[in-house]
Amino acid sequence: MFENWEKVLTTPMPYRAELAKAILAENEIDAVVLNKQSSSYPPFGNCEVYVPIKHAIIAKIILEHETTFG
């Protein structure tokens, strides 16, 4: 499904996934949010953020050090 993409974040909160995507976009890193939450009962499931494998390490570092995100 996501060949050549790596998951850099898993969160139960969709807004955090979208925030991570925006932070990565500011750093010129493409990101995709995959919402795996239940449509009938949203508290169950997670959202995942994926980036191209070649940007995965820097993306993880950016997200770890982003003060507005943590």
PDB file of N, CA and C in Angstrom:
ATOM      1  N   MET A   1       0.822  -1.196   0.000  1.00  0.00           N
ATOM      2  CA  MET A   1       0.000   0.000   0.000  1.00  0.00           C
ATOM      3  C   MET A   1       0.862   1.254   0.000  1.00  0.00           C
ATOM      4  N   PHE A   2       1.785   1.350   0.944  1.00  0.00           N
ATOM      5  CA  PHE A   2       2.666   2.506   1.013  1.00  0.00           C
ATOM      6  C   PHE A   2       4.103   2.055   0.739  1.00  0.00           C
ATOM      7  N   GLU A   3       4.345   1.530  -0.443  1.00  0.00           N
ATOM      8  CA  GLU A   3       5.705   1.136  -0.802  1.00  0.00           C
ATOM      9  C   GLU A   3       6.578   2.380  -0.835  1.00  0.00           C
ATOM     10  N   ASN A   4       7.768   2.263  -0.302  1.00  0.00           N
ATOM     11  CA  ASN A   4       8.740   3.360  -0.251  1.00  0.00           C
ATOM     12  C   ASN A   4       8.312   4.496   0.672  1.00  0.00           C
ATOM     13  N   TRP A   5       7.372   4.240   1.567  1.00  0.00           N
ATOM     14  CA  TRP A   5       6.947   5.205   2.579  1.00  0.00           C
ATOM     15  C   TRP A   5       7.131   4.541   3.944  1.00  0.00           C
ATOM     16  N   GLU A   6       7.430   5.367   4.944  1.00  0.00           N
ATOM     17  CA  GLU A   6       7.628   4.842   6.299  1.00  0.00           C
ATOM     18  C   GLU A   6       6.755   5.604   7.277  1.00  0.00           C
ATOM     19  N   LYS A   7       6.188   4.865   8.225  1.00  0.00           N
ATOM     20  CA  LYS A   7       5.361   5.482   9.259  1.00  0.00           C
ATOM     21  C   LYS A   7       6.270   6.202  10.243  1.00  0.00           C
ATOM     22  N   VAL A   8       5.978   7.493  10.511  1.00  0.00           N
ATOM     23  CA  VAL A   8       6.790   8.265  11.449  1.00  0.00           C
ATOM     24  C   VAL A   8       6.000   8.683  12.685  1.00  0.00           C
ATOM     25  N   LEU A   9       4.685   8.461  12.662  1.00  0.00           N
ATOM     26  CA  LEU A   9       3.875   8.852  13.815  1.00  0.00           C
ATOM     27  C   LEU A   9       2.583   8.043  13.827  1.00  0.00           C
ATOM     28  N   THR A  10       2.192   7.629  15.028  1.00  0.00           N
ATOM     29  CA  THR A  10       0.885   7.010  15.259  1.00  0.00           C
ATOM     30  C   THR A  10       0.257   7.747  16.425  1.00  0.00           C
ATOM     31  N   THR A  11      -0.988   8.179  16.248  1.00  0.00           N
ATOM     32  CA  THR A  11      -1.671   8.922  17.303  1.00  0.00           C
ATOM     33  C   THR A  11      -3.169   8.650  17.246  1.00  0.00           C
ATOM     34  N   PRO A  12      -3.832   8.622  18.397  1.00  0.00           N
ATOM     35  CA  PRO A  12      -5.288   8.453  18.389  1.00  0.00           C
ATOM     36  C   PRO A  12      -6.019   9.774  18.105  1.00  0.00           C
ATOM     37  N   MET A  13      -5.267  10.874  17.994  1.00  0.00           N
ATOM     38  CA  MET A  13      -5.869  12.190  17.811  1.00  0.00           C
ATOM     39  C   MET A  13      -5.621  12.706  16.385  1.00  0.00           C
ATOM     40  N   PRO A  14      -6.670  12.761  15.559  1.00  0.00           N
ATOM     41  CA  PRO A  14      -6.500  13.190  14.169  1.00  0.00           C
ATOM     42  C   PRO A  14      -5.853  14.565  14.023  1.00  0.00           C
ATOM     43  N   TYR A  15      -6.161  15.504  14.938  1.00  0.00           N
ATOM     44  CA  TYR A  15      -5.576  16.838  14.813  1.00  0.00           C
ATOM     45  C   TYR A  15      -4.055  16.801  14.966  1.00  0.00           C
ATOM     46  N   ARG A  16      -3.537  15.884  15.791  1.00  0.00           N
ATOM     47  CA  ARG A  16      -2.079  15.769  15.946  1.00  0.00           C
ATOM     48  C   ARG A  16      -1.434  15.246  14.664  1.00  0.00           C
ATOM     49  N   ALA A  17      -2.114  14.328  13.994  1.00  0.00           N
ATOM     50  CA  ALA A  17      -1.594  13.810  12.729  1.00  0.00           C
ATOM     51  C   ALA A  17      -1.563  14.917  11.684  1.00  0.00           C
ATOM     52  N   GLU A  18      -2.616  15.717  11.627  1.00  0.00           N
ATOM     53  CA  GLU A  18      -2.658  16.826  10.661  1.00  0.00           C
ATOM     54  C   GLU A  18      -1.626  17.898  11.008  1.00  0.00           C
ATOM     55  N   LEU A  19      -1.417  18.135  12.299  1.00  0.00           N
ATOM     56  CA  LEU A  19      -0.398  19.085  12.730  1.00  0.00           C
ATOM     57  C   LEU A  19       0.988  18.587  12.322  1.00  0.00           C
ATOM     58  N   ALA A  20       1.239  17.309  12.510  1.00  0.00           N
ATOM     59  CA  ALA A  20       2.523  16.731  12.111  1.00  0.00           C
ATOM     60  C   ALA A  20       2.724  16.872  10.609  1.00  0.00           C
ATOM     61  N   LYS A  21       1.679  16.623   9.843  1.00  0.00           N
ATOM     62  CA  LYS A  21       1.755  16.762   8.382  1.00  0.00           C
ATOM     63  C   LYS A  21       2.107  18.203   8.005  1.00  0.00           C
ATOM     64  N   ALA A  22       1.486  19.168   8.673  1.00  0.00           N
ATOM     65  CA  ALA A  22       1.760  20.581   8.391  1.00  0.00           C
ATOM     66  C   ALA A  22       3.192  20.958   8.766  1.00  0.00           C
ATOM     67  N   ILE A  23       3.664  20.470   9.893  1.00  0.00           N
ATOM     68  CA  ILE A  23       5.044  20.756  10.330  1.00  0.00           C
ATOM     69  C   ILE A  23       6.033  20.186   9.314  1.00  0.00           C
ATOM     70  N   LEU A  24       5.768  18.972   8.856  1.00  0.00           N
ATOM     71  CA  LEU A  24       6.663  18.361   7.865  1.00  0.00           C
ATOM     72  C   LEU A  24       6.606  19.126   6.544  1.00  0.00           C
ATOM     73  N   ALA A  25       5.420  19.588   6.151  1.00  0.00           N
ATOM     74  CA  ALA A  25       5.292  20.372   4.916  1.00  0.00           C
ATOM     75  C   ALA A  25       6.104  21.664   4.999  1.00  0.00           C
ATOM     76  N   GLU A  26       6.116  22.288   6.178  1.00  0.00           N
ATOM     77  CA  GLU A  26       6.928  23.497   6.379  1.00  0.00           C
ATOM     78  C   GLU A  26       8.406  23.213   6.163  1.00  0.00           C
ATOM     79  N   ASN A  27       8.798  21.978   6.375  1.00  0.00           N
ATOM     80  CA  ASN A  27      10.189  21.565   6.194  1.00  0.00           C
ATOM     81  C   ASN A  27      10.392  20.846   4.851  1.00  0.00           C
ATOM     82  N   GLU A  28       9.431  21.037   3.948  1.00  0.00           N
ATOM     83  CA  GLU A  28       9.491  20.503   2.589  1.00  0.00           C
ATOM     84  C   GLU A  28       9.599  18.981   2.539  1.00  0.00           C
ATOM     85  N   ILE A  29       8.859  18.335   3.451  1.00  0.00           N
ATOM     86  CA  ILE A  29       8.786  16.877   3.470  1.00  0.00           C
ATOM     87  C   ILE A  29       7.337  16.485   3.192  1.00  0.00           C
ATOM     88  N   ASP A  30       7.130  15.707   2.139  1.00  0.00           N
ATOM     89  CA  ASP A  30       5.793  15.218   1.822  1.00  0.00           C
ATOM     90  C   ASP A  30       5.340  14.262   2.916  1.00  0.00           C
ATOM     91  N   ALA A  31       4.091  14.368   3.305  1.00  0.00           N
ATOM     92  CA  ALA A  31       3.538  13.481   4.321  1.00  0.00           C
ATOM     93  C   ALA A  31       2.092  13.151   3.972  1.00  0.00           C
ATOM     94  N   VAL A  32       1.672  11.967   4.381  1.00  0.00           N
ATOM     95  CA  VAL A  32       0.308  11.500   4.148  1.00  0.00           C
ATOM     96  C   VAL A  32      -0.249  11.012   5.478  1.00  0.00           C
ATOM     97  N   VAL A  33      -1.498  11.381   5.756  1.00  0.00           N
ATOM     98  CA  VAL A  33      -2.169  10.912   6.965  1.00  0.00           C
ATOM     99  C   VAL A  33      -3.127   9.794   6.575  1.00  0.00           C
ATOM    100  N   LEU A  34      -3.002   8.679   7.268  1.00  0.00           N
ATOM    101  CA  LEU A  34      -3.903   7.545   7.064  1.00  0.00           C
ATOM    102  C   LEU A  34      -4.742   7.404   8.328  1.00  0.00           C
ATOM    103  N   ASN A  35      -6.043   7.669   8.201  1.00  0.00           N
ATOM    104  CA  ASN A  35      -6.945   7.608   9.350  1.00  0.00           C
ATOM    105  C   ASN A  35      -7.518   6.197   9.458  1.00  0.00           C
ATOM    106  N   LYS A  36      -7.131   5.491  10.510  1.00  0.00           N
ATOM    107  CA  LYS A  36      -7.593   4.120  10.730  1.00  0.00           C
ATOM    108  C   LYS A  36      -8.625   4.050  11.848  1.00  0.00           C
ATOM    109  N   GLN A  37      -9.227   5.199  12.166  1.00  0.00           N
ATOM    110  CA  GLN A  37     -10.231   5.209  13.217  1.00  0.00           C
ATOM    111  C   GLN A  37     -11.544   4.637  12.704  1.00  0.00           C
ATOM    112  N   SER A  38     -12.299   4.073  13.611  1.00  0.00           N
ATOM    113  CA  SER A  38     -13.611   3.533  13.284  1.00  0.00           C
ATOM    114  C   SER A  38     -14.559   4.675  12.920  1.00  0.00           C
ATOM    115  N   SER A  39     -15.261   4.536  11.819  1.00  0.00           N
ATOM    116  CA  SER A  39     -16.202   5.580  11.424  1.00  0.00           C
ATOM    117  C   SER A  39     -17.451   5.560  12.302  1.00  0.00           C
ATOM    118  N   SER A  40     -17.756   4.419  12.898  1.00  0.00           N
ATOM    119  CA  SER A  40     -18.941   4.324  13.747  1.00  0.00           C
ATOM    120  C   SER A  40     -18.652   4.712  15.193  1.00  0.00           C
ATOM    121  N   TYR A  41     -17.389   4.597  15.600  1.00  0.00           N
ATOM    122  CA  TYR A  41     -17.030   4.962  16.965  1.00  0.00           C
ATOM    123  C   TYR A  41     -15.591   5.475  16.965  1.00  0.00           C
ATOM    124  N   PRO A  42     -15.395   6.766  16.624  1.00  0.00           N
ATOM    125  CA  PRO A  42     -14.057   7.337  16.414  1.00  0.00           C
ATOM    126  C   PRO A  42     -13.009   7.154  17.511  1.00  0.00           C
ATOM    127  N   PRO A  43     -13.387   7.014  18.798  1.00  0.00           N
ATOM    128  CA  PRO A  43     -12.314   6.835  19.782  1.00  0.00           C
ATOM    129  C   PRO A  43     -11.473   5.577  19.573  1.00  0.00           C
ATOM    130  N   PHE A  44     -11.957   4.637  18.762  1.00  0.00           N
ATOM    131  CA  PHE A  44     -11.196   3.418  18.505  1.00  0.00           C
ATOM    132  C   PHE A  44     -10.388   3.567  17.232  1.00  0.00           C
ATOM    133  N   GLY A  45      -9.108   3.290  17.339  1.00  0.00           N
ATOM    134  CA  GLY A  45      -8.234   3.345  16.171  1.00  0.00           C
ATOM    135  C   GLY A  45      -7.267   4.513  16.251  1.00  0.00           C
ATOM    136  N   ASN A  46      -6.378   4.561  15.278  1.00  0.00           N
ATOM    137  CA  ASN A  46      -5.339   5.585  15.256  1.00  0.00           C
ATOM    138  C   ASN A  46      -5.246   6.236  13.896  1.00  0.00           C
ATOM    139  N   CYS A  47      -4.535   7.340  13.872  1.00  0.00           N
ATOM    140  CA  CYS A  47      -4.136   7.987  12.629  1.00  0.00           C
ATOM    141  C   CYS A  47      -2.631   7.783  12.513  1.00  0.00           C
ATOM    142  N   GLU A  48      -2.178   7.535  11.299  1.00  0.00           N
ATOM    143  CA  GLU A  48      -0.754   7.316  11.063  1.00  0.00           C
ATOM    144  C   GLU A  48      -0.255   8.327  10.041  1.00  0.00           C
ATOM    145  N   VAL A  49       0.975   8.781  10.245  1.00  0.00           N
ATOM    146  CA  VAL A  49       1.609   9.716   9.318  1.00  0.00           C
ATOM    147  C   VAL A  49       2.762   8.998   8.643  1.00  0.00           C
ATOM    148  N   TYR A  50       2.757   9.046   7.324  1.00  0.00           N
ATOM    149  CA  TYR A  50       3.790   8.400   6.510  1.00  0.00           C
ATOM    150  C   TYR A  50       4.546   9.442   5.711  1.00  0.00           C
ATOM    151  N   VAL A  51       5.850   9.200   5.525  1.00  0.00           N
ATOM    152  CA  VAL A  51       6.699  10.040   4.673  1.00  0.00           C
ATOM    153  C   VAL A  51       7.521   9.118   3.777  1.00  0.00           C
ATOM    154  N   PRO A  52       8.052   9.648   2.672  1.00  0.00           N
ATOM    155  CA  PRO A  52       8.950   8.823   1.856  1.00  0.00           C
ATOM    156  C   PRO A  52      10.114   8.320   2.701  1.00  0.00           C
ATOM    157  N   ILE A  53      10.525   7.083   2.465  1.00  0.00           N
ATOM    158  CA  ILE A  53      11.595   6.462   3.254  1.00  0.00           C
ATOM    159  C   ILE A  53      12.831   7.350   3.337  1.00  0.00           C
ATOM    160  N   LYS A  54      13.188   8.009   2.239  1.00  0.00           N
ATOM    161  CA  LYS A  54      14.407   8.825   2.229  1.00  0.00           C
ATOM    162  C   LYS A  54      14.330  10.017   3.190  1.00  0.00           C
ATOM    163  N   HIS A  55      13.104  10.382   3.655  1.00  0.00           N
ATOM    164  CA  HIS A  55      12.949  11.512   4.579  1.00  0.00           C
ATOM    165  C   HIS A  55      12.548  11.077   5.983  1.00  0.00           C
ATOM    166  N   ALA A  56      12.451   9.774   6.215  1.00  0.00           N
ATOM    167  CA  ALA A  56      11.910   9.277   7.481  1.00  0.00           C
ATOM    168  C   ALA A  56      12.735   9.690   8.695  1.00  0.00           C
ATOM    169  N   ILE A  57      14.032   9.572   8.620  1.00  0.00           N
ATOM    170  CA  ILE A  57      14.868   9.885   9.788  1.00  0.00           C
ATOM    171  C   ILE A  57      14.748  11.359  10.160  1.00  0.00           C
ATOM    172  N   ILE A  58      14.875  12.237   9.167  1.00  0.00           N
ATOM    173  CA  ILE A  58      14.794  13.672   9.461  1.00  0.00           C
ATOM    174  C   ILE A  58      13.383  14.041   9.922  1.00  0.00           C
ATOM    175  N   ALA A  59      12.365  13.385   9.358  1.00  0.00           N
ATOM    176  CA  ALA A  59      10.988  13.661   9.777  1.00  0.00           C
ATOM    177  C   ALA A  59      10.794  13.301  11.251  1.00  0.00           C
ATOM    178  N   LYS A  60      11.307  12.165  11.670  1.00  0.00           N
ATOM    179  CA  LYS A  60      11.196  11.761  13.073  1.00  0.00           C
ATOM    180  C   LYS A  60      11.915  12.747  13.985  1.00  0.00           C
ATOM    181  N   ILE A  61      13.075  13.205  13.565  1.00  0.00           N
ATOM    182  CA  ILE A  61      13.827  14.172  14.365  1.00  0.00           C
ATOM    183  C   ILE A  61      13.058  15.482  14.477  1.00  0.00           C
ATOM    184  N   ILE A  62      12.507  15.947  13.362  1.00  0.00           N
ATOM    185  CA  ILE A  62      11.724  17.198  13.378  1.00  0.00           C
ATOM    186  C   ILE A  62      10.556  17.065  14.329  1.00  0.00           C
ATOM    187  N   LEU A  63       9.820  15.982  14.252  1.00  0.00           N
ATOM    188  CA  LEU A  63       8.644  15.809  15.101  1.00  0.00           C
ATOM    189  C   LEU A  63       9.030  15.659  16.579  1.00  0.00           C
ATOM    190  N   GLU A  64      10.149  15.009  16.850  1.00  0.00           N
ATOM    191  CA  GLU A  64      10.602  14.855  18.240  1.00  0.00           C
ATOM    192  C   GLU A  64      10.980  16.182  18.866  1.00  0.00           C
ATOM    193  N   HIS A  65      11.494  17.104  18.054  1.00  0.00           N
ATOM    194  CA  HIS A  65      12.015  18.364  18.584  1.00  0.00           C
ATOM    195  C   HIS A  65      11.068  19.549  18.386  1.00  0.00           C
ATOM    196  N   GLU A  66       9.907  19.312  17.835  1.00  0.00           N
ATOM    197  CA  GLU A  66       8.950  20.385  17.590  1.00  0.00           C
ATOM    198  C   GLU A  66       8.219  20.718  18.881  1.00  0.00           C
ATOM    199  N   THR A  67       8.427  21.913  19.403  1.00  0.00           N
ATOM    200  CA  THR A  67       7.844  22.289  20.697  1.00  0.00           C
ATOM    201  C   THR A  67       6.337  22.465  20.615  1.00  0.00           C
ATOM    202  N   THR A  68       5.801  22.914  19.490  1.00  0.00           N
ATOM    203  CA  THR A  68       4.351  23.095  19.385  1.00  0.00           C
ATOM    204  C   THR A  68       3.632  21.779  19.239  1.00  0.00           C
ATOM    205  N   PHE A  69       4.368  20.725  18.926  1.00  0.00           N
ATOM    206  CA  PHE A  69       3.768  19.425  18.677  1.00  0.00           C
ATOM    207  C   PHE A  69       3.718  18.566  19.938  1.00  0.00           C
ATOM    208  N   GLY A  70       4.772  18.610  20.747  1.00  0.00           N
ATOM    209  CA  GLY A  70       4.872  17.734  21.901  1.00  0.00           C
ATOM    210  C   GLY A  70       3.973  18.132  22.992  1.00  0.00           C
TER     211      GLY A  70
END
